[in-house]
Amino acid sequence: MGNDCIFCKINNREIKSPIPYSNNTSFAIKDIAPKAPIHFLIIPKIHLTNLTAFGDQNFDSMKDMFKLASEIVKQENISHTGYRLVINQGNDAGQQVPHLHLHLLAGIQLGEMG
């Protein structure tokens, strides 16, 4: 775990932040600079900087991130309108926190990417 990782500190409750959704290996928080009306960050509880740090022992975490995304979509009632899941990796992709996380965006019509 990164000693100065904000996501690790939130997970360890060293930084107070509402955690509206969680499961055994992941938790979700609202993005503090949302790019859509609904913008959650889904974060593994173990510290992984990026996908290249991911090993066979971590696949349950990845599976649980997507399971949690599915739960959020149902709870937020957005499965019928659509949503986007994004993983930014590295500076060129706009990753701001060096801890693997999944963005869930919804609530507006999202433009095409790329």
N, C-alpha and C. Protein backbone atom coordinates (compact mmCIF):
# COMPACT_ATOMS: atom_id res chain seq x y z
N MET A 1 0.85 -1.19 0.00
CA MET A 1 0.00 0.00 0.00
C MET A 1 0.89 1.24 0.00
N GLY A 2 0.52 2.21 -0.79
CA GLY A 2 1.25 3.47 -0.82
C GLY A 2 0.92 4.31 0.40
N ASN A 3 1.95 4.73 1.14
CA ASN A 3 1.73 5.49 2.37
C ASN A 3 1.00 6.80 2.14
N ASP A 4 1.22 7.43 0.98
CA ASP A 4 0.59 8.71 0.72
C ASP A 4 -0.56 8.61 -0.29
N CYS A 5 -1.03 7.40 -0.56
CA CYS A 5 -2.10 7.20 -1.53
C CYS A 5 -3.44 7.63 -0.93
N ILE A 6 -4.08 8.59 -1.57
CA ILE A 6 -5.35 9.10 -1.04
C ILE A 6 -6.44 8.02 -1.02
N PHE A 7 -6.45 7.14 -2.02
CA PHE A 7 -7.47 6.09 -2.05
C PHE A 7 -7.23 5.07 -0.92
N CYS A 8 -5.98 4.76 -0.65
CA CYS A 8 -5.67 3.86 0.47
C CYS A 8 -6.08 4.50 1.79
N LYS A 9 -5.83 5.79 1.93
CA LYS A 9 -6.21 6.50 3.16
C LYS A 9 -7.72 6.54 3.33
N ILE A 10 -8.46 6.70 2.24
CA ILE A 10 -9.93 6.66 2.33
C ILE A 10 -10.37 5.26 2.73
N ASN A 11 -9.81 4.24 2.10
CA ASN A 11 -10.16 2.86 2.43
C ASN A 11 -9.86 2.53 3.89
N ASN A 12 -8.74 3.03 4.40
CA ASN A 12 -8.34 2.78 5.80
C ASN A 12 -9.01 3.73 6.78
N ARG A 13 -9.86 4.62 6.27
CA ARG A 13 -10.61 5.59 7.08
C ARG A 13 -9.70 6.61 7.75
N GLU A 14 -8.50 6.82 7.19
CA GLU A 14 -7.61 7.88 7.65
C GLU A 14 -8.10 9.22 7.12
N ILE A 15 -8.79 9.19 6.00
CA ILE A 15 -9.45 10.37 5.43
C ILE A 15 -10.93 10.04 5.40
N LYS A 16 -11.72 10.92 5.97
CA LYS A 16 -13.17 10.71 6.00
C LYS A 16 -13.75 11.03 4.64
N SER A 17 -14.48 10.08 4.09
CA SER A 17 -15.15 10.26 2.81
C SER A 17 -16.31 9.28 2.77
N PRO A 18 -17.49 9.73 2.34
CA PRO A 18 -18.60 8.78 2.21
C PRO A 18 -18.24 7.68 1.21
N ILE A 19 -18.54 6.45 1.59
CA ILE A 19 -18.35 5.30 0.73
C ILE A 19 -19.74 4.67 0.53
N PRO A 20 -20.46 5.15 -0.50
CA PRO A 20 -21.84 4.69 -0.67
C PRO A 20 -21.97 3.25 -1.13
N TYR A 21 -20.93 2.70 -1.74
CA TYR A 21 -20.99 1.33 -2.24
C TYR A 21 -19.67 0.63 -1.94
N SER A 22 -19.76 -0.66 -1.58
CA SER A 22 -18.55 -1.45 -1.38
C SER A 22 -18.89 -2.93 -1.44
N ASN A 23 -17.85 -3.74 -1.63
CA ASN A 23 -17.97 -5.19 -1.53
C ASN A 23 -16.68 -5.69 -0.87
N ASN A 24 -16.40 -6.96 -0.97
CA ASN A 24 -15.24 -7.53 -0.26
C ASN A 24 -13.91 -6.93 -0.67
N THR A 25 -13.74 -6.59 -1.95
CA THR A 25 -12.41 -6.17 -2.41
C THR A 25 -12.38 -4.79 -3.06
N SER A 26 -13.54 -4.13 -3.17
CA SER A 26 -13.61 -2.82 -3.83
C SER A 26 -14.54 -1.88 -3.08
N PHE A 27 -14.36 -0.60 -3.33
CA PHE A 27 -15.29 0.40 -2.79
C PHE A 27 -15.48 1.49 -3.82
N ALA A 28 -16.55 2.26 -3.67
CA ALA A 28 -16.84 3.33 -4.61
C ALA A 28 -17.08 4.63 -3.87
N ILE A 29 -16.56 5.71 -4.45
CA ILE A 29 -16.78 7.05 -3.93
C ILE A 29 -17.21 7.93 -5.09
N LYS A 30 -17.83 9.05 -4.77
CA LYS A 30 -18.16 10.02 -5.81
C LYS A 30 -16.90 10.79 -6.17
N ASP A 31 -16.72 11.05 -7.46
CA ASP A 31 -15.57 11.83 -7.92
C ASP A 31 -15.72 13.27 -7.42
N ILE A 32 -14.64 13.86 -6.92
CA ILE A 32 -14.72 15.23 -6.41
C ILE A 32 -14.71 16.27 -7.53
N ALA A 33 -14.37 15.85 -8.73
CA ALA A 33 -14.41 16.74 -9.91
C ALA A 33 -15.16 16.00 -11.02
N PRO A 34 -16.47 15.82 -10.84
CA PRO A 34 -17.23 14.98 -11.76
C PRO A 34 -17.26 15.51 -13.19
N LYS A 35 -17.20 14.57 -14.13
CA LYS A 35 -17.28 14.88 -15.56
C LYS A 35 -18.67 14.58 -16.10
N ALA A 36 -19.56 14.12 -15.25
CA ALA A 36 -20.95 13.81 -15.59
C ALA A 36 -21.77 13.92 -14.30
N PRO A 37 -23.10 14.07 -14.41
CA PRO A 37 -23.92 14.17 -13.20
C PRO A 37 -23.75 12.97 -12.25
N ILE A 38 -23.54 11.79 -12.81
CA ILE A 38 -23.23 10.61 -12.01
C ILE A 38 -21.80 10.22 -12.37
N HIS A 39 -20.90 10.29 -11.38
CA HIS A 39 -19.49 9.96 -11.63
C HIS A 39 -18.92 9.34 -10.36
N PHE A 40 -18.81 8.02 -10.39
CA PHE A 40 -18.23 7.27 -9.28
C PHE A 40 -16.85 6.78 -9.66
N LEU A 41 -15.99 6.65 -8.67
CA LEU A 41 -14.71 5.97 -8.81
C LEU A 41 -14.84 4.64 -8.08
N ILE A 42 -14.55 3.56 -8.77
CA ILE A 42 -14.60 2.22 -8.18
C ILE A 42 -13.16 1.77 -8.01
N ILE A 43 -12.79 1.49 -6.77
CA ILE A 43 -11.39 1.38 -6.39
C ILE A 43 -11.13 0.04 -5.69
N PRO A 44 -10.11 -0.70 -6.13
CA PRO A 44 -9.77 -1.91 -5.38
C PRO A 44 -9.18 -1.54 -4.02
N LYS A 45 -9.48 -2.35 -3.02
CA LYS A 45 -8.97 -2.08 -1.67
C LYS A 45 -7.47 -2.34 -1.56
N ILE A 46 -6.94 -3.20 -2.41
CA ILE A 46 -5.49 -3.40 -2.42
C ILE A 46 -4.86 -2.32 -3.31
N HIS A 47 -3.66 -1.92 -2.98
CA HIS A 47 -3.01 -0.88 -3.75
C HIS A 47 -2.33 -1.47 -4.98
N LEU A 48 -2.85 -1.10 -6.14
CA LEU A 48 -2.25 -1.43 -7.42
C LEU A 48 -2.15 -0.13 -8.19
N THR A 49 -0.98 0.17 -8.71
CA THR A 49 -0.81 1.44 -9.41
C THR A 49 -1.52 1.43 -10.76
N ASN A 50 -1.40 0.33 -11.49
CA ASN A 50 -2.01 0.27 -12.82
C ASN A 50 -2.19 -1.18 -13.23
N LEU A 51 -2.71 -1.39 -14.41
CA LEU A 51 -2.99 -2.74 -14.89
C LEU A 51 -1.73 -3.58 -15.04
N THR A 52 -0.60 -2.97 -15.35
CA THR A 52 0.63 -3.74 -15.51
C THR A 52 1.12 -4.31 -14.18
N ALA A 53 0.65 -3.74 -13.06
CA ALA A 53 0.99 -4.27 -11.74
C ALA A 53 0.06 -5.42 -11.35
N PHE A 54 -0.91 -5.68 -12.17
CA PHE A 54 -1.93 -6.68 -11.90
C PHE A 54 -1.38 -8.07 -12.13
N GLY A 55 -1.55 -8.97 -11.19
CA GLY A 55 -1.11 -10.35 -11.33
C GLY A 55 -2.29 -11.30 -11.19
N ASP A 56 -2.05 -12.57 -11.40
CA ASP A 56 -3.11 -13.58 -11.31
C ASP A 56 -3.84 -13.52 -9.98
N GLN A 57 -3.12 -13.21 -8.91
CA GLN A 57 -3.73 -13.18 -7.58
C GLN A 57 -4.70 -12.00 -7.42
N ASN A 58 -4.71 -11.06 -8.36
CA ASN A 58 -5.54 -9.87 -8.23
C ASN A 58 -6.82 -9.91 -9.07
N PHE A 59 -7.06 -10.99 -9.80
CA PHE A 59 -8.21 -11.00 -10.69
C PHE A 59 -9.54 -10.93 -9.95
N ASP A 60 -9.60 -11.42 -8.72
CA ASP A 60 -10.83 -11.28 -7.95
C ASP A 60 -11.15 -9.80 -7.71
N SER A 61 -10.11 -9.00 -7.50
CA SER A 61 -10.32 -7.57 -7.32
C SER A 61 -10.91 -6.94 -8.57
N MET A 62 -10.38 -7.30 -9.73
CA MET A 62 -10.89 -6.75 -10.98
C MET A 62 -12.34 -7.20 -11.21
N LYS A 63 -12.60 -8.47 -10.97
CA LYS A 63 -13.97 -8.99 -11.11
C LYS A 63 -14.92 -8.23 -10.19
N ASP A 64 -14.50 -8.01 -8.95
CA ASP A 64 -15.35 -7.32 -7.99
C ASP A 64 -15.56 -5.85 -8.33
N MET A 65 -14.58 -5.22 -8.99
CA MET A 65 -14.76 -3.84 -9.44
C MET A 65 -15.94 -3.78 -10.42
N PHE A 66 -15.98 -4.72 -11.35
CA PHE A 66 -17.06 -4.73 -12.33
C PHE A 66 -18.38 -5.18 -11.72
N LYS A 67 -18.34 -6.09 -10.76
CA LYS A 67 -19.57 -6.47 -10.04
C LYS A 67 -20.13 -5.27 -9.30
N LEU A 68 -19.25 -4.49 -8.67
CA LEU A 68 -19.70 -3.30 -7.95
C LEU A 68 -20.26 -2.27 -8.93
N ALA A 69 -19.63 -2.12 -10.08
CA ALA A 69 -20.17 -1.21 -11.10
C ALA A 69 -21.59 -1.64 -11.49
N SER A 70 -21.80 -2.92 -11.66
CA SER A 70 -23.13 -3.43 -12.01
C SER A 70 -24.15 -3.12 -10.91
N GLU A 71 -23.75 -3.27 -9.65
CA GLU A 71 -24.64 -2.94 -8.53
C GLU A 71 -24.97 -1.45 -8.52
N ILE A 72 -23.98 -0.61 -8.74
CA ILE A 72 -24.21 0.84 -8.74
C ILE A 72 -25.18 1.23 -9.85
N VAL A 73 -24.98 0.67 -11.04
CA VAL A 73 -25.84 0.96 -12.18
C VAL A 73 -27.30 0.64 -11.84
N LYS A 74 -27.51 -0.49 -11.17
CA LYS A 74 -28.87 -0.87 -10.78
C LYS A 74 -29.42 0.08 -9.72
N GLN A 75 -28.61 0.35 -8.69
CA GLN A 75 -29.06 1.21 -7.60
C GLN A 75 -29.31 2.65 -8.05
N GLU A 76 -28.51 3.14 -8.96
CA GLU A 76 -28.66 4.50 -9.47
C GLU A 76 -29.70 4.58 -10.59
N ASN A 77 -30.24 3.43 -10.98
CA ASN A 77 -31.30 3.35 -11.99
C ASN A 77 -30.86 3.94 -13.33
N ILE A 78 -29.66 3.57 -13.78
CA ILE A 78 -29.14 4.10 -15.04
C ILE A 78 -28.89 3.02 -16.09
N SER A 79 -29.27 1.78 -15.77
CA SER A 79 -28.99 0.71 -16.72
C SER A 79 -29.76 0.89 -18.03
N HIS A 80 -30.90 1.53 -17.99
CA HIS A 80 -31.73 1.71 -19.19
C HIS A 80 -31.29 2.91 -20.04
N THR A 81 -30.59 3.87 -19.45
CA THR A 81 -30.19 5.06 -20.20
C THR A 81 -28.77 4.98 -20.72
N GLY A 82 -27.93 4.20 -20.06
CA GLY A 82 -26.56 4.02 -20.49
C GLY A 82 -25.56 4.66 -19.55
N TYR A 83 -24.34 4.19 -19.66
CA TYR A 83 -23.25 4.65 -18.80
C TYR A 83 -21.94 4.28 -19.46
N ARG A 84 -20.87 4.85 -18.96
CA ARG A 84 -19.54 4.57 -19.49
C ARG A 84 -18.63 4.13 -18.34
N LEU A 85 -17.81 3.12 -18.61
CA LEU A 85 -16.78 2.67 -17.68
C LEU A 85 -15.43 2.96 -18.32
N VAL A 86 -14.54 3.61 -17.56
CA VAL A 86 -13.25 4.03 -18.09
C VAL A 86 -12.14 3.74 -17.08
N ILE A 87 -11.02 3.22 -17.57
CA ILE A 87 -9.81 3.10 -16.76
C ILE A 87 -8.74 3.93 -17.45
N ASN A 88 -8.26 4.96 -16.77
CA ASN A 88 -7.16 5.79 -17.28
C ASN A 88 -5.85 5.23 -16.72
N GLN A 89 -4.87 5.04 -17.58
CA GLN A 89 -3.59 4.49 -17.16
C GLN A 89 -2.46 5.41 -17.59
N GLY A 90 -1.78 6.02 -16.64
CA GLY A 90 -0.63 6.86 -16.92
C GLY A 90 -0.99 8.30 -17.23
N ASN A 91 0.03 9.13 -17.29
CA ASN A 91 -0.15 10.57 -17.50
C ASN A 91 -0.85 10.90 -18.80
N ASP A 92 -0.48 10.24 -19.89
CA ASP A 92 -1.07 10.54 -21.19
C ASP A 92 -2.57 10.26 -21.22
N ALA A 93 -3.02 9.34 -20.39
CA ALA A 93 -4.45 9.01 -20.33
C ALA A 93 -5.20 9.85 -19.30
N GLY A 94 -4.47 10.64 -18.52
CA GLY A 94 -5.12 11.50 -17.53
C GLY A 94 -5.27 10.88 -16.15
N GLN A 95 -4.53 9.81 -15.85
CA GLN A 95 -4.60 9.22 -14.52
C GLN A 95 -4.01 10.19 -13.52
N GLN A 96 -4.82 10.63 -12.55
CA GLN A 96 -4.37 11.62 -11.58
C GLN A 96 -3.94 11.01 -10.26
N VAL A 97 -4.51 9.87 -9.92
CA VAL A 97 -4.14 9.18 -8.68
C VAL A 97 -3.49 7.86 -9.06
N PRO A 98 -2.26 7.62 -8.62
CA PRO A 98 -1.56 6.40 -9.01
C PRO A 98 -2.04 5.17 -8.22
N HIS A 99 -3.31 4.89 -8.34
CA HIS A 99 -3.96 3.71 -7.75
C HIS A 99 -5.03 3.32 -8.76
N LEU A 100 -4.95 2.10 -9.28
CA LEU A 100 -5.90 1.63 -10.28
C LEU A 100 -7.33 1.93 -9.83
N HIS A 101 -8.15 2.47 -10.72
CA HIS A 101 -9.55 2.70 -10.41
C HIS A 101 -10.35 2.78 -11.70
N LEU A 102 -11.64 2.55 -11.57
CA LEU A 102 -12.58 2.52 -12.67
C LEU A 102 -13.54 3.69 -12.52
N HIS A 103 -13.70 4.49 -13.58
CA HIS A 103 -14.67 5.58 -13.56
C HIS A 103 -16.00 5.06 -14.11
N LEU A 104 -17.09 5.36 -13.43
CA LEU A 104 -18.43 5.09 -13.91
C LEU A 104 -19.09 6.44 -14.13
N LEU A 105 -19.42 6.76 -15.39
CA LEU A 105 -20.01 8.05 -15.74
C LEU A 105 -21.38 7.84 -16.36
N ALA A 106 -22.33 8.69 -15.97
CA ALA A 106 -23.69 8.59 -16.52
C ALA A 106 -24.46 9.86 -16.19
N GLY A 107 -25.68 9.91 -16.67
CA GLY A 107 -26.56 11.03 -16.35
C GLY A 107 -26.68 12.07 -17.44
N ILE A 108 -25.84 11.98 -18.47
CA ILE A 108 -25.92 12.84 -19.65
C ILE A 108 -25.52 12.00 -20.85
N GLN A 109 -25.83 12.51 -22.01
CA GLN A 109 -25.36 11.83 -23.21
C GLN A 109 -23.87 12.10 -23.35
N LEU A 110 -23.08 11.07 -23.31
CA LEU A 110 -21.63 11.18 -23.37
C LEU A 110 -21.20 11.12 -24.83
N GLY A 111 -20.32 12.02 -25.23
CA GLY A 111 -19.84 12.06 -26.60
C GLY A 111 -18.95 10.87 -26.93
N GLU A 112 -18.68 10.74 -28.21
CA GLU A 112 -17.79 9.68 -28.65
C GLU A 112 -16.39 9.95 -28.17
N MET A 113 -15.66 8.89 -27.92
CA MET A 113 -14.26 9.02 -27.51
C MET A 113 -13.38 8.63 -28.68
N GLY A 114 -12.24 9.30 -28.77
CA GLY A 114 -11.24 8.91 -29.76
C GLY A 114 -11.37 9.51 -31.09
